[in-house]
Amino acid sequence: MIGRRRSTGQHHGGLRKALEEAALALVAERGPHGFTLAEACRRAGVSVAAPYKHFADRDALLVSLAVKGYQEQDRRFTEACSASEDPTEQLAALAAAYVRFAYEEQALFDIMFNAGLDKTRHPELAEVVHALFDTLLPIARRVTGTEAAAFDLLICMASAAHGLAFFLQEGLPGDVQAPLAAAEERAARTARALVEQQLREASSPTTEDSEHGRESPRFSCG
């Protein structure tokens, strides 16, 4: 009886995709540091020499997935913003989308933030992160008026959403019936509160600033 052979289609155009899918499955099982490139090859059904046509090492494979993760975030954020013309509501939708992405794409999210990838060695990763901020900064700037304050606001929002996403993944007590919806609502509510705080601070310069005609301090979530 002749044994069934593995499909060899992945040795051509589908090799890169097969390796990425295998790595993503392994990350979901063991985390971004819990497997080797050889294991990804075995999971994909290819020889251990095959990946070097596309990836120099495991980090290069993870970088490719991280890039896809940031691109998917960008797509989701753009879609979330399209539901409203109000910048405050757009930022609230962004925060909720951040939480949903982390919940629905846990392996990608883990790679993006926990793999310890060096952006100086992989400029393509730095470029996609900058592209994501290029999407978000104009929205925040409609609230803050300056790019520096807009960046601060985004970092504060992302920090809050990131924490909520982490709590959601850890399954902390509360909102057992609809944990994702509750986390999304908290993220949106926090974003609105941060915008409100920014607007309050922007319209209330300190006494010293008023006396000397200086610009009021930049918004900070610290």
N, C-alpha and C. Protein backbone atom coordinates (compact mmCIF):
# COMPACT_ATOMS: atom_id res chain seq x y z
N MET A 1 0.85 -1.18 0.00
CA MET A 1 0.00 0.00 0.00
C MET A 1 0.89 1.24 0.00
N ILE A 2 0.62 2.19 -0.90
CA ILE A 2 1.43 3.38 -1.04
C ILE A 2 0.89 4.46 -0.11
N GLY A 3 1.78 5.02 0.74
CA GLY A 3 1.36 6.08 1.66
C GLY A 3 1.04 7.36 0.92
N ARG A 4 0.15 8.16 1.48
CA ARG A 4 -0.24 9.42 0.88
C ARG A 4 0.84 10.46 1.09
N ARG A 5 1.24 11.18 0.06
CA ARG A 5 2.28 12.19 0.17
C ARG A 5 1.67 13.54 0.54
N ARG A 6 2.48 14.37 1.19
CA ARG A 6 2.04 15.73 1.50
C ARG A 6 1.91 16.54 0.22
N SER A 7 0.97 17.47 0.22
CA SER A 7 0.88 18.40 -0.90
C SER A 7 2.13 19.25 -0.96
N THR A 8 2.65 19.45 -2.17
CA THR A 8 3.88 20.23 -2.32
C THR A 8 3.61 21.63 -2.82
N GLY A 9 2.34 22.05 -2.85
CA GLY A 9 2.02 23.38 -3.37
C GLY A 9 2.70 24.49 -2.60
N GLN A 10 2.92 24.26 -1.27
CA GLN A 10 3.52 25.31 -0.46
C GLN A 10 4.99 25.54 -0.78
N HIS A 11 5.59 24.66 -1.59
CA HIS A 11 6.99 24.85 -1.93
C HIS A 11 7.15 25.99 -2.94
N HIS A 12 6.06 26.45 -3.49
CA HIS A 12 6.15 27.50 -4.51
C HIS A 12 5.53 28.78 -3.95
N GLY A 13 4.50 29.28 -4.60
CA GLY A 13 3.93 30.55 -4.17
C GLY A 13 3.35 30.53 -2.77
N GLY A 14 2.93 29.34 -2.28
CA GLY A 14 2.29 29.27 -0.98
C GLY A 14 3.22 28.99 0.18
N LEU A 15 4.53 28.90 -0.08
CA LEU A 15 5.46 28.57 1.00
C LEU A 15 5.45 29.61 2.10
N ARG A 16 5.56 30.86 1.72
CA ARG A 16 5.60 31.95 2.72
C ARG A 16 4.33 31.94 3.57
N LYS A 17 3.18 31.82 2.92
CA LYS A 17 1.92 31.81 3.65
C LYS A 17 1.82 30.61 4.57
N ALA A 18 2.28 29.44 4.09
CA ALA A 18 2.22 28.24 4.92
C ALA A 18 3.08 28.38 6.17
N LEU A 19 4.25 28.97 6.02
CA LEU A 19 5.13 29.17 7.18
C LEU A 19 4.53 30.18 8.16
N GLU A 20 3.94 31.24 7.63
CA GLU A 20 3.31 32.24 8.51
C GLU A 20 2.13 31.63 9.27
N GLU A 21 1.33 30.83 8.60
CA GLU A 21 0.18 30.21 9.27
C GLU A 21 0.65 29.22 10.33
N ALA A 22 1.71 28.49 10.02
CA ALA A 22 2.24 27.54 11.00
C ALA A 22 2.79 28.27 12.21
N ALA A 23 3.53 29.36 11.97
CA ALA A 23 4.09 30.13 13.08
C ALA A 23 2.99 30.75 13.93
N LEU A 24 1.95 31.23 13.28
CA LEU A 24 0.84 31.85 14.02
C LEU A 24 0.16 30.82 14.92
N ALA A 25 -0.01 29.61 14.41
CA ALA A 25 -0.62 28.55 15.22
C ALA A 25 0.27 28.19 16.40
N LEU A 26 1.58 28.15 16.17
CA LEU A 26 2.51 27.84 17.26
C LEU A 26 2.53 28.94 18.31
N VAL A 27 2.46 30.20 17.87
CA VAL A 27 2.41 31.32 18.82
C VAL A 27 1.15 31.22 19.67
N ALA A 28 0.03 30.88 19.04
CA ALA A 28 -1.23 30.75 19.79
C ALA A 28 -1.11 29.67 20.87
N GLU A 29 -0.33 28.62 20.59
CA GLU A 29 -0.18 27.52 21.54
C GLU A 29 0.87 27.79 22.61
N ARG A 30 1.99 28.44 22.20
CA ARG A 30 3.16 28.52 23.08
C ARG A 30 3.72 29.91 23.30
N GLY A 31 3.19 30.90 22.62
CA GLY A 31 3.74 32.24 22.72
C GLY A 31 4.83 32.47 21.67
N PRO A 32 5.24 33.72 21.47
CA PRO A 32 6.18 34.04 20.39
C PRO A 32 7.59 33.49 20.60
N HIS A 33 7.93 33.10 21.82
CA HIS A 33 9.27 32.56 22.08
C HIS A 33 9.25 31.04 22.29
N GLY A 34 8.12 30.41 22.06
CA GLY A 34 7.97 29.01 22.43
C GLY A 34 8.15 28.01 21.31
N PHE A 35 8.77 28.42 20.20
CA PHE A 35 8.97 27.47 19.10
C PHE A 35 10.20 27.86 18.31
N THR A 36 10.67 26.94 17.49
CA THR A 36 11.82 27.20 16.63
C THR A 36 11.37 27.28 15.18
N LEU A 37 12.25 27.79 14.33
CA LEU A 37 11.95 27.85 12.91
C LEU A 37 11.77 26.45 12.34
N ALA A 38 12.55 25.50 12.85
CA ALA A 38 12.43 24.11 12.39
C ALA A 38 11.04 23.55 12.72
N GLU A 39 10.51 23.90 13.89
CA GLU A 39 9.17 23.44 14.26
C GLU A 39 8.12 24.04 13.35
N ALA A 40 8.30 25.30 12.98
CA ALA A 40 7.37 25.93 12.04
C ALA A 40 7.41 25.21 10.70
N CYS A 41 8.60 24.79 10.28
CA CYS A 41 8.74 24.03 9.04
C CYS A 41 7.98 22.72 9.12
N ARG A 42 8.17 22.01 10.21
CA ARG A 42 7.48 20.73 10.37
C ARG A 42 5.97 20.92 10.39
N ARG A 43 5.51 21.98 11.08
CA ARG A 43 4.07 22.24 11.13
C ARG A 43 3.53 22.57 9.74
N ALA A 44 4.34 23.25 8.93
CA ALA A 44 3.91 23.62 7.57
C ALA A 44 4.09 22.49 6.58
N GLY A 45 4.83 21.44 6.98
CA GLY A 45 5.04 20.31 6.10
C GLY A 45 6.09 20.54 5.04
N VAL A 46 7.13 21.33 5.39
CA VAL A 46 8.20 21.60 4.44
C VAL A 46 9.54 21.25 5.08
N SER A 47 10.58 21.21 4.27
CA SER A 47 11.90 20.87 4.78
C SER A 47 12.44 22.02 5.62
N VAL A 48 13.38 21.71 6.52
CA VAL A 48 13.93 22.74 7.40
C VAL A 48 14.74 23.77 6.63
N ALA A 49 15.13 23.45 5.40
CA ALA A 49 15.89 24.41 4.59
C ALA A 49 14.96 25.37 3.84
N ALA A 50 13.69 25.01 3.75
CA ALA A 50 12.75 25.78 2.92
C ALA A 50 12.59 27.24 3.34
N PRO A 51 12.49 27.57 4.63
CA PRO A 51 12.16 28.96 5.00
C PRO A 51 13.22 29.98 4.63
N TYR A 52 14.46 29.55 4.43
CA TYR A 52 15.53 30.52 4.21
C TYR A 52 15.41 31.22 2.86
N LYS A 53 14.50 30.74 2.02
CA LYS A 53 14.19 31.47 0.79
C LYS A 53 13.43 32.75 1.10
N HIS A 54 12.78 32.78 2.25
CA HIS A 54 11.94 33.92 2.62
C HIS A 54 12.34 34.57 3.94
N PHE A 55 12.80 33.77 4.89
CA PHE A 55 13.06 34.28 6.24
C PHE A 55 14.45 33.85 6.71
N ALA A 56 15.25 34.83 7.12
CA ALA A 56 16.62 34.53 7.57
C ALA A 56 16.62 33.76 8.89
N ASP A 57 15.64 34.03 9.74
CA ASP A 57 15.56 33.37 11.04
C ASP A 57 14.14 33.49 11.57
N ARG A 58 13.93 33.00 12.79
CA ARG A 58 12.58 33.03 13.36
C ARG A 58 12.09 34.47 13.54
N ASP A 59 12.97 35.37 13.94
CA ASP A 59 12.56 36.77 14.12
C ASP A 59 12.03 37.36 12.82
N ALA A 60 12.67 37.03 11.72
CA ALA A 60 12.21 37.55 10.43
C ALA A 60 10.80 37.05 10.12
N LEU A 61 10.52 35.80 10.47
CA LEU A 61 9.17 35.25 10.29
C LEU A 61 8.18 35.98 11.19
N LEU A 62 8.57 36.23 12.43
CA LEU A 62 7.69 36.96 13.34
C LEU A 62 7.48 38.40 12.90
N VAL A 63 8.52 39.03 12.36
CA VAL A 63 8.39 40.40 11.86
C VAL A 63 7.36 40.46 10.75
N SER A 64 7.40 39.48 9.85
CA SER A 64 6.42 39.44 8.77
C SER A 64 5.00 39.39 9.31
N LEU A 65 4.79 38.61 10.35
CA LEU A 65 3.47 38.53 10.97
C LEU A 65 3.12 39.81 11.71
N ALA A 66 4.09 40.41 12.39
CA ALA A 66 3.84 41.67 13.09
C ALA A 66 3.43 42.76 12.11
N VAL A 67 4.10 42.82 10.96
CA VAL A 67 3.74 43.80 9.93
C VAL A 67 2.29 43.60 9.51
N LYS A 68 1.90 42.35 9.29
CA LYS A 68 0.51 42.07 8.93
C LYS A 68 -0.44 42.50 10.05
N GLY A 69 0.00 42.33 11.28
CA GLY A 69 -0.84 42.73 12.41
C GLY A 69 -1.09 44.23 12.43
N TYR A 70 -0.03 45.02 12.25
CA TYR A 70 -0.19 46.48 12.24
C TYR A 70 -1.02 46.93 11.04
N GLN A 71 -0.85 46.26 9.92
CA GLN A 71 -1.66 46.61 8.75
C GLN A 71 -3.13 46.31 8.98
N GLU A 72 -3.40 45.18 9.67
CA GLU A 72 -4.78 44.85 9.99
C GLU A 72 -5.36 45.83 11.01
N GLN A 73 -4.55 46.25 11.97
CA GLN A 73 -5.00 47.29 12.90
C GLN A 73 -5.37 48.56 12.13
N ASP A 74 -4.50 48.97 11.23
CA ASP A 74 -4.74 50.18 10.43
C ASP A 74 -6.06 50.06 9.68
N ARG A 75 -6.29 48.91 9.07
CA ARG A 75 -7.55 48.70 8.33
C ARG A 75 -8.76 48.81 9.26
N ARG A 76 -8.65 48.17 10.43
CA ARG A 76 -9.78 48.19 11.37
C ARG A 76 -10.01 49.60 11.92
N PHE A 77 -8.93 50.32 12.21
CA PHE A 77 -9.07 51.67 12.73
C PHE A 77 -9.72 52.59 11.70
N THR A 78 -9.30 52.46 10.45
CA THR A 78 -9.89 53.27 9.39
C THR A 78 -11.38 52.98 9.26
N GLU A 79 -11.73 51.71 9.32
CA GLU A 79 -13.14 51.32 9.24
C GLU A 79 -13.92 51.86 10.43
N ALA A 80 -13.34 51.79 11.62
CA ALA A 80 -14.02 52.27 12.83
C ALA A 80 -14.28 53.77 12.74
N CYS A 81 -13.32 54.51 12.20
CA CYS A 81 -13.45 55.97 12.11
C CYS A 81 -14.53 56.39 11.12
N SER A 82 -14.82 55.53 10.16
CA SER A 82 -15.76 55.91 9.10
C SER A 82 -17.19 56.02 9.60
N ALA A 83 -17.45 55.55 10.82
CA ALA A 83 -18.82 55.57 11.34
C ALA A 83 -19.24 56.94 11.87
N SER A 84 -18.29 57.87 12.01
CA SER A 84 -18.63 59.18 12.57
C SER A 84 -17.69 60.25 12.02
N GLU A 85 -18.17 61.50 12.01
CA GLU A 85 -17.33 62.63 11.62
C GLU A 85 -16.79 63.36 12.85
N ASP A 86 -17.32 63.03 14.02
CA ASP A 86 -16.91 63.67 15.27
C ASP A 86 -15.59 63.07 15.73
N PRO A 87 -14.52 63.85 15.88
CA PRO A 87 -13.23 63.27 16.26
C PRO A 87 -13.25 62.56 17.60
N THR A 88 -14.07 63.05 18.55
CA THR A 88 -14.16 62.38 19.85
C THR A 88 -14.73 60.98 19.68
N GLU A 89 -15.78 60.86 18.90
CA GLU A 89 -16.39 59.55 18.67
C GLU A 89 -15.49 58.66 17.82
N GLN A 90 -14.73 59.26 16.92
CA GLN A 90 -13.76 58.48 16.15
C GLN A 90 -12.69 57.88 17.06
N LEU A 91 -12.20 58.67 18.01
CA LEU A 91 -11.20 58.17 18.94
C LEU A 91 -11.79 57.10 19.86
N ALA A 92 -13.05 57.28 20.26
CA ALA A 92 -13.71 56.26 21.08
C ALA A 92 -13.84 54.96 20.30
N ALA A 93 -14.17 55.07 19.01
CA ALA A 93 -14.29 53.88 18.17
C ALA A 93 -12.94 53.21 17.97
N LEU A 94 -11.88 54.02 17.86
CA LEU A 94 -10.53 53.48 17.73
C LEU A 94 -10.16 52.65 18.96
N ALA A 95 -10.46 53.18 20.13
CA ALA A 95 -10.14 52.48 21.37
C ALA A 95 -10.88 51.15 21.45
N ALA A 96 -12.15 51.17 21.09
CA ALA A 96 -12.93 49.92 21.10
C ALA A 96 -12.37 48.93 20.07
N ALA A 97 -11.98 49.43 18.91
CA ALA A 97 -11.42 48.56 17.86
C ALA A 97 -10.10 47.95 18.31
N TYR A 98 -9.33 48.69 19.09
CA TYR A 98 -8.06 48.18 19.62
C TYR A 98 -8.32 46.95 20.49
N VAL A 99 -9.31 47.05 21.36
CA VAL A 99 -9.64 45.94 22.26
C VAL A 99 -10.15 44.75 21.47
N ARG A 100 -11.01 44.99 20.49
CA ARG A 100 -11.57 43.89 19.70
C ARG A 100 -10.47 43.19 18.90
N PHE A 101 -9.55 43.96 18.33
CA PHE A 101 -8.45 43.36 17.58
C PHE A 101 -7.63 42.44 18.48
N ALA A 102 -7.29 42.93 19.67
CA ALA A 102 -6.49 42.13 20.60
C ALA A 102 -7.21 40.83 20.98
N TYR A 103 -8.53 40.90 21.08
CA TYR A 103 -9.32 39.73 21.46
C TYR A 103 -9.43 38.74 20.31
N GLU A 104 -9.67 39.24 19.12
CA GLU A 104 -9.91 38.37 17.97
C GLU A 104 -8.62 37.87 17.32
N GLU A 105 -7.54 38.60 17.50
CA GLU A 105 -6.25 38.23 16.89
C GLU A 105 -5.17 38.12 17.98
N GLN A 106 -5.40 37.25 18.94
CA GLN A 106 -4.53 37.19 20.11
C GLN A 106 -3.09 36.82 19.75
N ALA A 107 -2.91 35.90 18.81
CA ALA A 107 -1.55 35.49 18.45
C ALA A 107 -0.81 36.64 17.77
N LEU A 108 -1.46 37.31 16.84
CA LEU A 108 -0.84 38.47 16.19
C LEU A 108 -0.51 39.55 17.22
N PHE A 109 -1.44 39.81 18.11
CA PHE A 109 -1.25 40.82 19.14
C PHE A 109 -0.06 40.47 20.02
N ASP A 110 0.08 39.19 20.35
CA ASP A 110 1.19 38.72 21.17
C ASP A 110 2.52 38.96 20.45
N ILE A 111 2.54 38.69 19.16
CA ILE A 111 3.76 38.90 18.38
C ILE A 111 4.12 40.39 18.33
N MET A 112 3.12 41.23 18.08
CA MET A 112 3.35 42.66 17.94
C MET A 112 3.95 43.29 19.20
N PHE A 113 3.51 42.81 20.36
CA PHE A 113 3.87 43.50 21.60
C PHE A 113 4.73 42.69 22.57
N ASN A 114 4.85 41.39 22.36
CA ASN A 114 5.59 40.58 23.32
C ASN A 114 6.76 39.80 22.73
N ALA A 115 7.00 39.95 21.44
CA ALA A 115 8.07 39.17 20.82
C ALA A 115 9.44 39.83 20.96
N GLY A 116 9.48 41.10 21.38
CA GLY A 116 10.75 41.79 21.55
C GLY A 116 11.50 42.00 20.24
N LEU A 117 10.78 42.27 19.18
CA LEU A 117 11.40 42.44 17.86
C LEU A 117 12.13 43.78 17.77
N ASP A 118 13.31 43.75 17.21
CA ASP A 118 14.19 44.92 17.13
C ASP A 118 13.88 45.71 15.86
N LYS A 119 13.28 46.89 16.02
CA LYS A 119 12.91 47.70 14.86
C LYS A 119 14.13 48.25 14.13
N THR A 120 15.28 48.34 14.81
CA THR A 120 16.47 48.83 14.12
C THR A 120 17.01 47.78 13.15
N ARG A 121 16.76 46.51 13.43
CA ARG A 121 17.17 45.43 12.53
C ARG A 121 16.14 45.16 11.44
N HIS A 122 14.92 45.60 11.69
CA HIS A 122 13.83 45.33 10.75
C HIS A 122 13.08 46.64 10.46
N PRO A 123 13.64 47.48 9.59
CA PRO A 123 13.03 48.79 9.33
C PRO A 123 11.61 48.71 8.78
N GLU A 124 11.26 47.58 8.16
CA GLU A 124 9.90 47.46 7.64
C GLU A 124 8.88 47.48 8.77
N LEU A 125 9.29 47.03 9.95
CA LEU A 125 8.40 47.05 11.10
C LEU A 125 8.22 48.48 11.61
N ALA A 126 9.32 49.22 11.68
CA ALA A 126 9.23 50.62 12.10
C ALA A 126 8.37 51.41 11.12
N GLU A 127 8.50 51.12 9.83
CA GLU A 127 7.74 51.86 8.82
C GLU A 127 6.24 51.65 8.97
N VAL A 128 5.83 50.41 9.24
CA VAL A 128 4.39 50.15 9.34
C VAL A 128 3.82 50.75 10.62
N VAL A 129 4.62 50.82 11.69
CA VAL A 129 4.17 51.49 12.91
C VAL A 129 3.99 52.99 12.66
N HIS A 130 4.96 53.59 11.95
CA HIS A 130 4.84 55.02 11.62
C HIS A 130 3.63 55.27 10.74
N ALA A 131 3.37 54.36 9.80
CA ALA A 131 2.21 54.51 8.93
C ALA A 131 0.91 54.47 9.72
N LEU A 132 0.87 53.62 10.76
CA LEU A 132 -0.32 53.55 11.60
C LEU A 132 -0.55 54.88 12.32
N PHE A 133 0.53 55.46 12.87
CA PHE A 133 0.38 56.75 13.54
C PHE A 133 0.01 57.85 12.54
N ASP A 134 0.46 57.74 11.31
CA ASP A 134 0.08 58.71 10.29
C ASP A 134 -1.43 58.69 10.05
N THR A 135 -2.04 57.53 10.24
CA THR A 135 -3.50 57.42 10.13
C THR A 135 -4.20 58.07 11.32
N LEU A 136 -3.62 57.90 12.51
CA LEU A 136 -4.31 58.30 13.74
C LEU A 136 -4.06 59.75 14.15
N LEU A 137 -2.86 60.26 13.91
CA LEU A 137 -2.52 61.59 14.40
C LEU A 137 -3.44 62.70 13.89
N PRO A 138 -3.82 62.71 12.61
CA PRO A 138 -4.72 63.79 12.16
C PRO A 138 -6.04 63.81 12.91
N ILE A 139 -6.53 62.65 13.32
CA ILE A 139 -7.80 62.60 14.07
C ILE A 139 -7.60 63.22 15.45
N ALA A 140 -6.56 62.79 16.14
CA ALA A 140 -6.30 63.34 17.48
C ALA A 140 -5.97 64.82 17.42
N ARG A 141 -5.32 65.26 16.36
CA ARG A 141 -4.95 66.66 16.26
C ARG A 141 -6.18 67.56 16.12
N ARG A 142 -7.26 67.03 15.59
CA ARG A 142 -8.50 67.81 15.51
C ARG A 142 -9.01 68.16 16.90
N VAL A 143 -8.62 67.37 17.90
CA VAL A 143 -9.00 67.63 19.28
C VAL A 143 -7.97 68.51 19.98
N THR A 144 -6.70 68.20 19.77
CA THR A 144 -5.64 68.84 20.57
C THR A 144 -5.09 70.12 19.95
N GLY A 145 -5.11 70.21 18.62
CA GLY A 145 -4.57 71.39 17.95
C GLY A 145 -3.10 71.31 17.61
N THR A 146 -2.32 70.50 18.32
CA THR A 146 -0.90 70.35 18.03
C THR A 146 -0.55 68.88 17.88
N GLU A 147 0.47 68.58 17.11
CA GLU A 147 0.86 67.20 16.88
C GLU A 147 1.43 66.56 18.14
N ALA A 148 2.19 67.34 18.91
CA ALA A 148 2.78 66.79 20.13
C ALA A 148 1.69 66.37 21.12
N ALA A 149 0.70 67.23 21.30
CA ALA A 149 -0.39 66.89 22.21
C ALA A 149 -1.23 65.75 21.65
N ALA A 150 -1.38 65.70 20.34
CA ALA A 150 -2.13 64.61 19.70
C ALA A 150 -1.43 63.28 19.95
N PHE A 151 -0.11 63.27 19.86
CA PHE A 151 0.66 62.05 20.12
C PHE A 151 0.48 61.61 21.56
N ASP A 152 0.56 62.56 22.51
CA ASP A 152 0.35 62.24 23.92
C ASP A 152 -1.03 61.63 24.15
N LEU A 153 -2.04 62.22 23.52
CA LEU A 153 -3.40 61.72 23.69
C LEU A 153 -3.53 60.30 23.16
N LEU A 154 -2.96 60.03 22.01
CA LEU A 154 -3.02 58.68 21.44
C LEU A 154 -2.32 57.65 22.32
N ILE A 155 -1.17 58.04 22.86
CA ILE A 155 -0.43 57.12 23.73
C ILE A 155 -1.25 56.79 24.98
N CYS A 156 -1.88 57.80 25.56
CA CYS A 156 -2.71 57.57 26.75
C CYS A 156 -3.89 56.66 26.42
N MET A 157 -4.54 56.92 25.27
CA MET A 157 -5.67 56.09 24.86
C MET A 157 -5.24 54.65 24.62
N ALA A 158 -4.13 54.50 23.90
CA ALA A 158 -3.64 53.16 23.58
C ALA A 158 -3.24 52.41 24.85
N SER A 159 -2.65 53.12 25.80
CA SER A 159 -2.26 52.49 27.06
C SER A 159 -3.48 51.94 27.80
N ALA A 160 -4.54 52.74 27.85
CA ALA A 160 -5.76 52.30 28.52
C ALA A 160 -6.39 51.11 27.79
N ALA A 161 -6.48 51.22 26.47
CA ALA A 161 -7.07 50.13 25.68
C ALA A 161 -6.23 48.86 25.79
N HIS A 162 -4.91 49.02 25.81
CA HIS A 162 -4.02 47.87 25.92
C HIS A 162 -4.22 47.16 27.25
N GLY A 163 -4.35 47.93 28.31
CA GLY A 163 -4.59 47.34 29.62
C GLY A 163 -5.92 46.60 29.67
N LEU A 164 -6.96 47.19 29.10
CA LEU A 164 -8.26 46.53 29.07
C LEU A 164 -8.21 45.25 28.25
N ALA A 165 -7.46 45.29 27.14
CA ALA A 165 -7.31 44.10 26.30
C ALA A 165 -6.61 42.99 27.07
N PHE A 166 -5.59 43.36 27.82
CA PHE A 166 -4.87 42.38 28.63
C PHE A 166 -5.79 41.77 29.69
N PHE A 167 -6.54 42.61 30.39
CA PHE A 167 -7.45 42.09 31.41
C PHE A 167 -8.48 41.15 30.78
N LEU A 168 -8.96 41.51 29.60
CA LEU A 168 -9.94 40.68 28.90
C LEU A 168 -9.35 39.32 28.57
N GLN A 169 -8.11 39.29 28.08
CA GLN A 169 -7.47 38.03 27.73
C GLN A 169 -7.22 37.16 28.97
N GLU A 170 -6.94 37.83 30.09
CA GLU A 170 -6.67 37.09 31.32
C GLU A 170 -7.94 36.59 32.00
N GLY A 171 -9.09 37.06 31.50
CA GLY A 171 -10.35 36.58 32.05
C GLY A 171 -10.60 37.02 33.47
N LEU A 172 -10.25 38.28 33.77
CA LEU A 172 -10.49 38.78 35.12
C LEU A 172 -11.98 38.84 35.41
N PRO A 173 -12.38 38.74 36.67
CA PRO A 173 -13.80 38.68 37.03
C PRO A 173 -14.59 39.90 36.56
N GLY A 174 -15.86 39.66 36.31
CA GLY A 174 -16.76 40.74 35.92
C GLY A 174 -17.23 40.59 34.50
N ASP A 175 -18.45 41.00 34.22
CA ASP A 175 -19.03 41.01 32.87
C ASP A 175 -18.88 39.64 32.19
N VAL A 176 -19.22 38.59 32.92
CA VAL A 176 -19.01 37.24 32.42
C VAL A 176 -19.85 36.97 31.17
N GLN A 177 -21.03 37.54 31.08
CA GLN A 177 -21.93 37.24 29.96
C GLN A 177 -21.46 37.89 28.66
N ALA A 178 -20.89 39.08 28.72
CA ALA A 178 -20.46 39.77 27.51
C ALA A 178 -19.15 40.51 27.78
N PRO A 179 -18.07 39.79 28.03
CA PRO A 179 -16.82 40.45 28.42
C PRO A 179 -16.24 41.34 27.34
N LEU A 180 -16.31 40.92 26.08
CA LEU A 180 -15.75 41.73 25.00
C LEU A 180 -16.50 43.05 24.85
N ALA A 181 -17.82 42.98 24.84
CA ALA A 181 -18.63 44.20 24.70
C ALA A 181 -18.36 45.15 25.86
N ALA A 182 -18.22 44.61 27.06
CA ALA A 182 -17.96 45.45 28.23
C ALA A 182 -16.59 46.12 28.12
N ALA A 183 -15.59 45.37 27.67
CA ALA A 183 -14.25 45.94 27.53
C ALA A 183 -14.22 47.00 26.43
N GLU A 184 -14.92 46.76 25.35
CA GLU A 184 -14.99 47.77 24.28
C GLU A 184 -15.64 49.05 24.79
N GLU A 185 -16.71 48.91 25.54
CA GLU A 185 -17.40 50.09 26.06
C GLU A 185 -16.51 50.84 27.04
N ARG A 186 -15.79 50.14 27.89
CA ARG A 186 -14.87 50.80 28.82
C ARG A 186 -13.79 51.56 28.05
N ALA A 187 -13.26 50.94 27.00
CA ALA A 187 -12.21 51.59 26.21
C ALA A 187 -12.75 52.85 25.56
N ALA A 188 -13.94 52.78 25.01
CA ALA A 188 -14.55 53.96 24.37
C ALA A 188 -14.81 55.05 25.41
N ARG A 189 -15.33 54.65 26.56
CA ARG A 189 -15.64 55.61 27.62
C ARG A 189 -14.36 56.29 28.13
N THR A 190 -13.29 55.52 28.25
CA THR A 190 -12.01 56.08 28.69
C THR A 190 -11.47 57.07 27.67
N ALA A 191 -11.60 56.73 26.39
CA ALA A 191 -11.14 57.64 25.33
C ALA A 191 -11.90 58.96 25.39
N ARG A 192 -13.19 58.89 25.58
CA ARG A 192 -13.99 60.13 25.68
C ARG A 192 -13.54 60.96 26.89
N ALA A 193 -13.28 60.29 28.00
CA ALA A 193 -12.84 60.99 29.20
C ALA A 193 -11.49 61.66 28.99
N LEU A 194 -10.58 61.00 28.29
CA LEU A 194 -9.27 61.59 28.01
C LEU A 194 -9.39 62.81 27.09
N VAL A 195 -10.27 62.72 26.11
CA VAL A 195 -10.51 63.87 25.24
C VAL A 195 -11.08 65.02 26.04
N GLU A 196 -12.04 64.72 26.91
CA GLU A 196 -12.65 65.77 27.75
C GLU A 196 -11.59 66.42 28.64
N GLN A 197 -10.71 65.61 29.20
CA GLN A 197 -9.64 66.15 30.04
C GLN A 197 -8.71 67.05 29.22
N GLN A 198 -8.39 66.61 28.02
CA GLN A 198 -7.53 67.41 27.15
C GLN A 198 -8.18 68.76 26.83
N LEU A 199 -9.45 68.76 26.50
CA LEU A 199 -10.15 70.00 26.16
C LEU A 199 -10.22 70.93 27.36
N ARG A 200 -10.43 70.33 28.56
CA ARG A 200 -10.48 71.13 29.78
C ARG A 200 -9.14 71.81 30.04
N GLU A 201 -8.07 71.03 29.91
CA GLU A 201 -6.74 71.58 30.19
C GLU A 201 -6.33 72.61 29.15
N ALA A 202 -6.74 72.37 27.91
CA ALA A 202 -6.37 73.31 26.84
C ALA A 202 -7.07 74.65 27.02
N SER A 203 -8.26 74.64 27.61
CA SER A 203 -9.01 75.89 27.78
C SER A 203 -8.75 76.55 29.12
N SER A 204 -7.90 75.92 29.95
CA SER A 204 -7.62 76.48 31.28
C SER A 204 -6.13 76.57 31.52
N PRO A 205 -5.46 77.58 30.91
CA PRO A 205 -4.02 77.75 31.15
C PRO A 205 -3.75 78.08 32.60
N THR A 206 -2.57 77.71 33.08
CA THR A 206 -2.22 78.01 34.46
C THR A 206 -2.06 79.52 34.66
N THR A 207 -2.11 79.95 35.92
CA THR A 207 -1.96 81.38 36.23
C THR A 207 -0.63 81.89 35.73
N GLU A 208 0.42 81.12 35.93
CA GLU A 208 1.75 81.55 35.52
C GLU A 208 1.81 81.70 34.00
N ASP A 209 1.20 80.76 33.27
CA ASP A 209 1.21 80.84 31.82
C ASP A 209 0.45 82.08 31.36
N SER A 210 -0.68 82.37 32.01
CA SER A 210 -1.47 83.54 31.63
C SER A 210 -0.69 84.82 31.84
N GLU A 211 0.05 84.89 32.96
CA GLU A 211 0.79 86.10 33.28
C GLU A 211 1.93 86.35 32.30
N HIS A 212 2.57 85.29 31.85
CA HIS A 212 3.74 85.44 31.00
C HIS A 212 3.44 85.17 29.54
N GLY A 213 2.18 84.88 29.21
CA GLY A 213 1.80 84.69 27.82
C GLY A 213 2.36 83.44 27.19
N ARG A 214 2.67 82.43 28.01
CA ARG A 214 3.21 81.21 27.47
C ARG A 214 2.09 80.21 27.18
N GLU A 215 2.42 79.27 26.29
CA GLU A 215 1.46 78.22 25.96
C GLU A 215 1.25 77.33 27.18
N SER A 216 0.02 76.86 27.39
CA SER A 216 -0.28 75.99 28.52
C SER A 216 0.43 74.66 28.36
N PRO A 217 0.68 73.95 29.48
CA PRO A 217 1.43 72.69 29.42
C PRO A 217 0.73 71.67 28.53
N ARG A 218 1.53 70.80 27.92
CA ARG A 218 0.99 69.78 27.06
C ARG A 218 0.23 68.76 27.89
N PHE A 219 -0.80 68.19 27.28
CA PHE A 219 -1.61 67.17 27.94
C PHE A 219 -0.75 65.96 28.34
N SER A 220 -1.03 65.43 29.50
CA SER A 220 -0.32 64.22 29.92
C SER A 220 -1.27 63.34 30.69
N CYS A 221 -1.12 62.03 30.51
CA CYS A 221 -1.97 61.11 31.26
C CYS A 221 -1.26 60.64 32.50
N GLY A 222 -0.11 61.20 32.79
CA GLY A 222 0.64 60.79 33.99
C GLY A 222 0.10 61.45 35.23
